[in-house]
Amino acid sequence: MSEFNNRIAAQRDILICINTKYWQEELFGLSRGAIERWVSVNQINSNTVLIKLVNESAKKLFFLSNKSQEQITEDYKMLSKEVSMLTKKIQNEMSLIK
């Protein structure tokens, strides 16, 4: 159960970080559809570093969600660390947005 909680907490951390800034519409989730909608509604260039980081985080979290029922492997742990690093990078990018 802790792997599930960790993954959900990581998603929540990313969403909270992104939604601390004023957007026309908040980012409601890390699915491809939610990200595409957020980018479109807020007229964000999809080639920005922020969007690339959000997409990369979403892909890694999706992979983790499919592995959460399996025994924790070194790959799973490594991916979890990568998501943490991506979250920090997203925080850095968000600090640059006025």
Foldseek 3Di string as FASTA:
>chain_A
DVLVVLLVVLFVLLQVLQVVDDAPDGQDGLDPVSLVVRCVRRVPDCPDPLNVLSVVLSVLSVVSVVCVVDDDDPVSVVSSVVSVVSSVVNNVVSVVDD
